[in-house]
Amino acid sequence: MKTVLVATEKPFAKAAVENIKQIITDAGFRFQLLEKYSSKEDLLKAVSEANALIIRSDIVDREVVAAAPHLEIVVRAGAGYDNIDLAACSERKIVAMNTPGQNANAVAELVFGMLIYKIRNQFDGSTGTELRGKTLGIYGYGYIGRLVAQIAHGFGMQTSAFDPFVDNSLMEKDGVKPVQTVKDLFSGNQYVTLHIPANDQTKRSIGFDLLSLMPQGACLVNTARKEVIDEEGLLQVFEKRNDFVYLADVAPDNASVIAEKYAGRYYFTPKKCGAQTHEANNNAGLAAARQIVGFFQKGDKTFQVNKF
C-alpha cells in the first residue's frame, strides 16, 4: 500500500487536512501527517517510508530526498516550487509537481488589500487617493495576473501586461493591453504588480533601471518572491525618488533600512500570507491530494515541474 505523507511546518486548516485524508484513504492509500515539526530531523524521519509527499513552504532539499528511499512524487501545495530541489528529485526520478491556480484568487485579492491600505494612508483619517482611472501594469499574466486584471477592471483601472510566454490575444480578450517589453510596462504604469517566478532570468531583475522609469507616484507591489528584487537598486530608488512606494508580501532583507529611512513609503506583511485564506488552503491541499491519486492510478503527470 502506498503511503502519502502530508508534512507541513505551517499546517493546513483542520478541515483541509480532513478532506485531504478522505481523498487519500478513499483511493486506498495510507495517510500520514506531520505538522508543526520543530526540527529537520522530524521531517527526515517521517519521509523514510513515504511514497508521496505533500508540502507547503517546507524545504525538500537533497538531504530530504536522500532520506526518502521510497519517494515517487512530491507535490507543493501552491504555485511556487523553489523550495524543492528539482535536480535532486530528477536524479532519483521523483516527480515534482505544484498546484497552479489554487491560491491565485487569494493572492490577487491581497494585492488590492495592500493597495487600498496604502493609498488611504493606512486609514489614519487623512486625505488619500483612489484607484479609479489609474494605470496598473501586470508583470506575469498567469492565473494570478488574470485575476488581478479582473479585479482592477472592477476598480475602473486601466491595465496592461507583459508576459513573453502568453499570447497577446489572451490579454486583449481580457481587456488588457499587451506591451512588448518589461521597460514598456514600467514606464507606462503608475502601479506595477509582480507575478513572476524566481529563476535565473528573473532573480534581482527588478532594480533601479526599471523602477526609475515609472511615472510620478510610482508604486510597486510584490506578492511574488523577494529574490526578484535587486535590493541595492531598490534603496537607490527610495533615495532618489520621494514619491516611490513599495508594498510586499515578502519583506526584503534590507527591510530594517527601509523602515528607518523611508517611513510611510512601504508596507510589508509580517509574514508571507498571499495564500493564507481558508479557501486557498483547502483548494491547494485538495488539488495536491487529487494529483497524487491521479499519478498513482493513471500515471498522470500534468503538473510536473521537473524533467528526467
Protein backbone atom coordinates (compact mmCIF):
# COMPACT_ATOMS: atom_id res chain seq x y z
CA MET A 1 0.00 0.00 0.00
CA LYS A 2 1.29 3.44 -0.96
CA THR A 3 1.92 5.88 1.89
CA VAL A 4 1.11 9.55 1.40
CA LEU A 5 2.72 11.93 3.89
CA VAL A 6 1.47 15.46 4.48
CA ALA A 7 4.42 17.31 6.06
CA THR A 8 3.69 20.94 6.94
CA GLU A 9 5.58 23.05 9.41
CA LYS A 10 2.82 25.63 8.82
CA PRO A 11 -0.27 23.39 8.87
CA PHE A 12 -3.24 23.32 6.57
CA ALA A 13 -6.57 24.23 8.14
CA LYS A 14 -8.12 21.36 10.07
CA ALA A 15 -10.95 20.97 7.55
CA ALA A 16 -8.45 20.84 4.69
CA VAL A 17 -6.48 18.08 6.41
CA GLU A 18 -9.65 16.04 6.86
CA ASN A 19 -10.56 16.47 3.20
CA ILE A 20 -7.04 15.55 2.06
CA LYS A 21 -7.16 12.44 4.24
CA GLN A 22 -10.53 11.48 2.78
CA ILE A 23 -9.24 11.71 -0.79
CA ILE A 24 -6.13 9.66 0.04
CA THR A 25 -7.87 6.91 2.02
CA ASP A 26 -10.80 6.62 -0.39
CA ALA A 27 -8.22 5.85 -3.08
CA GLY A 28 -6.88 3.01 -0.96
CA PHE A 29 -3.66 4.68 0.21
CA ARG A 30 -2.24 5.13 3.70
CA PHE A 31 -2.37 8.68 5.08
CA GLN A 32 0.30 10.08 7.42
CA LEU A 33 0.53 13.55 8.91
CA LEU A 34 3.43 15.60 10.26
CA GLU A 35 2.50 19.09 11.44
CA LYS A 36 4.32 21.89 13.25
CA TYR A 37 7.53 19.88 13.37
CA SER A 38 10.30 21.53 15.33
CA SER A 39 13.40 20.25 13.55
CA LYS A 40 14.53 18.94 10.20
CA GLU A 41 15.22 15.60 11.87
CA ASP A 42 11.48 15.17 12.35
CA LEU A 43 10.95 15.59 8.62
CA LEU A 44 13.83 13.27 7.70
CA LYS A 45 12.40 10.56 9.90
CA ALA A 46 8.85 11.00 8.61
CA VAL A 47 9.76 10.74 4.90
CA SER A 48 11.62 7.44 5.34
CA GLU A 49 8.54 5.37 4.46
CA ALA A 50 6.67 7.83 2.24
CA ASN A 51 5.84 7.08 -1.39
CA ALA A 52 4.29 10.51 -1.85
CA LEU A 53 4.77 13.83 -0.09
CA ILE A 54 2.57 16.92 0.15
CA ILE A 55 4.25 20.10 1.41
CA ARG A 56 3.59 23.83 1.61
CA SER A 57 6.62 26.08 2.17
CA ASP A 58 8.61 23.20 3.61
CA ILE A 59 12.08 22.60 2.17
CA VAL A 60 12.65 19.42 0.19
CA ASP A 61 16.38 19.53 -0.40
CA ARG A 62 18.91 16.86 -1.32
CA GLU A 63 19.10 15.62 2.27
CA VAL A 64 15.34 15.11 2.45
CA VAL A 65 15.35 13.28 -0.89
CA ALA A 66 18.15 11.02 0.32
CA ALA A 67 16.18 10.19 3.46
CA ALA A 68 13.15 9.09 1.40
CA PRO A 69 14.17 5.91 -0.48
CA HIS A 70 10.59 5.06 -1.47
CA LEU A 71 9.54 8.55 -2.59
CA GLU A 72 7.98 8.69 -6.06
CA ILE A 73 6.24 12.08 -6.07
CA VAL A 74 6.32 15.34 -4.12
CA VAL A 75 3.63 17.99 -4.58
CA ARG A 76 3.98 21.56 -3.42
CA ALA A 77 0.50 22.78 -2.48
CA GLY A 78 0.82 26.17 -4.13
CA ALA A 79 2.20 27.76 -7.27
CA GLY A 80 5.85 28.42 -6.37
CA TYR A 81 8.16 25.42 -6.09
CA ASP A 82 11.58 26.93 -5.42
CA ASN A 83 11.57 25.14 -2.05
CA ILE A 84 12.01 21.82 -3.89
CA ASP A 85 15.44 20.71 -5.14
CA LEU A 86 14.33 19.73 -8.63
CA ALA A 87 17.73 18.39 -9.64
CA ALA A 88 17.86 16.03 -6.66
CA CYS A 89 14.34 14.82 -7.46
CA SER A 90 15.16 14.30 -11.13
CA GLU A 91 18.27 12.28 -10.29
CA ARG A 92 16.06 9.90 -8.36
CA LYS A 93 13.26 10.08 -10.97
CA ILE A 94 10.93 11.56 -8.37
CA VAL A 95 8.12 13.57 -9.98
CA ALA A 96 7.83 17.09 -8.57
CA MET A 97 4.57 18.99 -9.02
CA ASN A 98 2.89 22.21 -7.97
CA THR A 99 -0.82 23.11 -7.85
CA PRO A 100 -1.06 26.19 -10.09
CA GLY A 101 -4.05 28.45 -9.75
CA GLN A 102 -5.40 27.07 -6.49
CA ASN A 103 -4.38 30.08 -4.39
CA ALA A 104 -4.48 32.61 -7.22
CA ASN A 105 -7.56 34.47 -6.03
CA ALA A 106 -6.19 34.84 -2.51
CA VAL A 107 -3.01 36.42 -3.83
CA ALA A 108 -4.87 38.67 -6.28
CA GLU A 109 -7.14 39.98 -3.53
CA LEU A 110 -4.12 40.64 -1.30
CA VAL A 111 -2.65 42.90 -4.00
CA PHE A 112 -5.63 45.19 -3.72
CA GLY A 113 -5.87 44.88 0.04
CA MET A 114 -2.36 46.29 0.32
CA LEU A 115 -3.02 48.93 -2.33
CA ILE A 116 -6.16 50.23 -0.66
CA TYR A 117 -4.46 50.22 2.74
CA LYS A 118 -1.59 52.31 1.38
CA ILE A 119 -3.39 54.80 -0.82
CA ARG A 120 -5.81 55.60 2.01
CA ASN A 121 -2.81 56.34 4.25
CA GLN A 122 -3.31 53.26 6.42
CA PHE A 123 -6.78 54.57 7.31
CA ASP A 124 -5.36 57.32 9.52
CA GLY A 125 -8.15 59.72 8.57
CA SER A 126 -6.06 61.90 6.24
CA THR A 127 -6.81 62.52 2.56
CA GLY A 128 -5.84 59.61 0.34
CA THR A 129 -6.19 58.75 -3.34
CA GLU A 130 -8.32 56.43 -5.47
CA LEU A 131 -7.56 53.62 -7.92
CA ARG A 132 -10.20 54.53 -10.49
CA GLY A 133 -8.62 55.83 -13.67
CA LYS A 134 -5.09 54.88 -12.61
CA THR A 135 -2.80 52.62 -14.65
CA LEU A 136 -1.80 49.13 -13.47
CA GLY A 137 0.96 47.06 -15.07
CA ILE A 138 0.84 43.30 -14.53
CA TYR A 139 4.21 41.55 -14.83
CA GLY A 140 3.39 37.89 -15.41
CA TYR A 141 -0.01 37.01 -16.85
CA GLY A 142 -0.70 33.58 -15.38
CA TYR A 143 -3.54 32.54 -13.08
CA ILE A 144 -2.88 35.35 -10.61
CA GLY A 145 -2.22 38.00 -13.22
CA ARG A 146 -5.54 37.34 -14.95
CA LEU A 147 -7.46 37.61 -11.68
CA VAL A 148 -5.61 40.82 -10.81
CA ALA A 149 -6.77 42.25 -14.15
CA GLN A 150 -10.40 41.29 -13.43
CA ILE A 151 -10.33 42.98 -10.04
CA ALA A 152 -8.54 46.04 -11.44
CA HIS A 153 -11.26 46.48 -14.03
CA GLY A 154 -13.82 46.41 -11.24
CA PHE A 155 -11.98 49.37 -9.70
CA GLY A 156 -12.04 51.16 -13.05
CA MET A 157 -8.28 50.91 -13.62
CA GLN A 158 -6.53 50.82 -16.98
CA THR A 159 -4.47 47.63 -17.30
CA SER A 160 -1.53 46.44 -19.35
CA ALA A 161 0.62 43.33 -19.02
CA PHE A 162 3.92 41.83 -20.03
CA ASP A 163 4.46 38.10 -20.29
CA PRO A 164 6.58 36.66 -23.12
CA PHE A 165 5.04 33.23 -22.57
CA VAL A 166 1.41 34.32 -23.03
CA ASP A 167 -0.20 35.12 -26.37
CA ASN A 168 -1.20 38.75 -26.73
CA SER A 169 -4.66 37.73 -27.92
CA LEU A 170 -5.47 36.31 -24.49
CA MET A 171 -4.64 39.61 -22.81
CA GLU A 172 -6.63 41.55 -25.39
CA LYS A 173 -9.61 39.25 -24.89
CA ASP A 174 -9.47 40.09 -21.19
CA GLY A 175 -9.40 43.81 -21.91
CA VAL A 176 -5.71 44.10 -21.03
CA LYS A 177 -3.23 45.92 -23.25
CA PRO A 178 -0.17 43.78 -24.05
CA VAL A 179 3.19 45.55 -24.06
CA GLN A 180 6.27 44.35 -25.88
CA THR A 181 8.98 44.85 -23.26
CA VAL A 182 9.27 44.97 -19.50
CA LYS A 183 10.58 48.52 -19.85
CA ASP A 184 7.35 49.50 -21.57
CA LEU A 185 5.40 48.01 -18.67
CA PHE A 186 7.25 50.00 -16.01
CA SER A 187 7.40 53.27 -17.94
CA GLY A 188 3.71 53.15 -18.77
CA ASN A 189 2.17 52.45 -15.35
CA GLN A 190 1.95 54.24 -12.03
CA TYR A 191 1.28 50.90 -10.33
CA VAL A 192 3.10 47.66 -11.20
CA THR A 193 2.36 44.29 -9.62
CA LEU A 194 4.75 41.33 -9.86
CA HIS A 195 3.60 37.78 -10.56
CA ILE A 196 6.77 36.14 -11.83
CA PRO A 197 8.76 33.16 -10.51
CA ALA A 198 12.23 33.44 -9.03
CA ASN A 199 14.57 31.81 -11.53
CA ASP A 200 17.90 32.50 -13.22
CA GLN A 201 16.26 35.00 -15.58
CA THR A 202 14.25 36.94 -13.00
CA LYS A 203 16.33 36.98 -9.81
CA ARG A 204 17.41 40.56 -8.98
CA SER A 205 15.94 41.71 -12.31
CA ILE A 206 13.75 44.44 -10.76
CA GLY A 207 16.09 47.24 -9.81
CA PHE A 208 16.91 50.91 -10.22
CA ASP A 209 16.88 50.99 -14.02
CA LEU A 210 13.33 49.65 -14.28
CA LEU A 211 11.86 51.34 -11.22
CA SER A 212 13.21 54.75 -12.19
CA LEU A 213 11.18 54.53 -15.41
CA MET A 214 7.86 54.59 -13.53
CA PRO A 215 5.67 57.73 -13.68
CA GLN A 216 5.12 60.11 -10.78
CA GLY A 217 3.51 58.45 -7.75
CA ALA A 218 5.12 55.11 -8.54
CA CYS A 219 4.06 52.08 -6.51
CA LEU A 220 5.50 48.57 -6.84
CA VAL A 221 3.56 45.61 -5.40
CA ASN A 222 5.38 42.33 -4.87
CA THR A 223 3.43 39.23 -3.88
CA ALA A 224 5.87 37.01 -5.76
CA ARG A 225 9.35 36.36 -4.35
CA LYS A 226 11.81 38.73 -2.69
CA GLU A 227 14.62 37.30 -4.83
CA VAL A 228 13.31 39.04 -7.96
CA ILE A 229 14.17 42.42 -6.41
CA ASP A 230 17.63 43.97 -6.67
CA GLU A 231 17.64 45.33 -3.14
CA GLU A 232 20.54 47.74 -3.69
CA GLY A 233 18.65 49.19 -6.64
CA LEU A 234 15.50 49.36 -4.55
CA LEU A 235 17.28 51.51 -1.96
CA GLN A 236 18.60 53.75 -4.74
CA VAL A 237 15.06 54.39 -5.95
CA PHE A 238 13.85 55.16 -2.43
CA GLU A 239 16.71 57.65 -2.10
CA LYS A 240 16.31 59.31 -5.50
CA ARG A 241 12.50 59.45 -5.61
CA ASN A 242 10.46 60.60 -2.64
CA ASP A 243 7.28 59.58 -4.48
CA PHE A 244 8.18 55.88 -4.72
CA VAL A 245 6.26 53.32 -2.63
CA TYR A 246 6.98 49.59 -2.21
CA LEU A 247 4.38 47.12 -0.96
CA ALA A 248 5.37 43.49 -0.45
CA ASP A 249 4.06 40.22 0.86
CA VAL A 250 7.65 39.19 1.35
CA ALA A 251 9.86 41.68 3.18
CA PRO A 252 13.28 42.36 1.64
CA ASP A 253 16.44 41.55 3.55
CA ASN A 254 17.06 45.28 3.94
CA ALA A 255 13.58 45.94 5.41
CA SER A 256 15.07 47.47 8.56
CA VAL A 257 16.93 50.08 6.50
CA ILE A 258 13.77 50.97 4.58
CA ALA A 259 11.81 51.22 7.83
CA GLU A 260 14.41 53.52 9.36
CA LYS A 261 14.82 55.86 6.41
CA TYR A 262 11.57 55.79 4.46
CA ALA A 263 8.69 55.65 6.91
CA GLY A 264 5.26 55.86 5.30
CA ARG A 265 6.52 54.75 1.89
CA TYR A 266 6.33 50.98 2.31
CA TYR A 267 4.26 48.18 3.75
CA PHE A 268 5.47 44.62 4.36
CA THR A 269 3.21 41.88 5.69
CA PRO A 270 4.52 40.35 8.96
CA LYS A 271 4.97 37.04 7.14
CA LYS A 272 4.17 35.79 3.65
CA CYS A 273 0.41 35.40 3.62
CA GLY A 274 -0.71 35.60 0.00
CA ALA A 275 -2.15 32.09 0.07
CA GLN A 276 -3.30 32.27 3.69
CA THR A 277 -7.05 32.04 3.29
CA HIS A 278 -9.32 29.15 4.23
CA GLU A 279 -10.36 28.80 0.61
CA ALA A 280 -6.83 28.75 -0.83
CA ASN A 281 -5.68 26.46 1.97
CA ASN A 282 -8.39 23.98 1.13
CA ASN A 283 -8.11 24.27 -2.65
CA ALA A 284 -4.34 23.74 -2.82
CA GLY A 285 -4.33 20.83 -0.37
CA LEU A 286 -7.14 19.01 -2.11
CA ALA A 287 -5.57 19.60 -5.52
CA ALA A 288 -2.29 18.12 -4.26
CA ALA A 289 -4.08 15.04 -2.94
CA ARG A 290 -6.00 14.54 -6.19
CA GLN A 291 -2.82 14.92 -8.26
CA ILE A 292 -1.12 12.22 -6.22
CA VAL A 293 -4.06 9.87 -6.65
CA GLY A 294 -4.10 10.60 -10.39
CA PHE A 295 -0.37 9.92 -10.61
CA PHE A 296 -0.56 6.58 -8.83
CA GLN A 297 -3.75 5.38 -10.50
CA LYS A 298 -3.34 6.75 -14.03
CA GLY A 299 0.26 7.91 -14.33
CA ASP A 300 -0.99 11.50 -14.72
CA LYS A 301 1.95 13.95 -14.69
CA THR A 302 0.07 17.04 -15.88
CA PHE A 303 1.59 19.45 -13.37
CA GLN A 304 5.12 18.04 -13.28
CA VAL A 305 7.71 20.81 -13.00
CA ASN A 306 10.95 18.81 -13.28
CA LYS A 307 12.41 16.76 -16.10
CA PHE A 308 14.21 13.42 -16.23
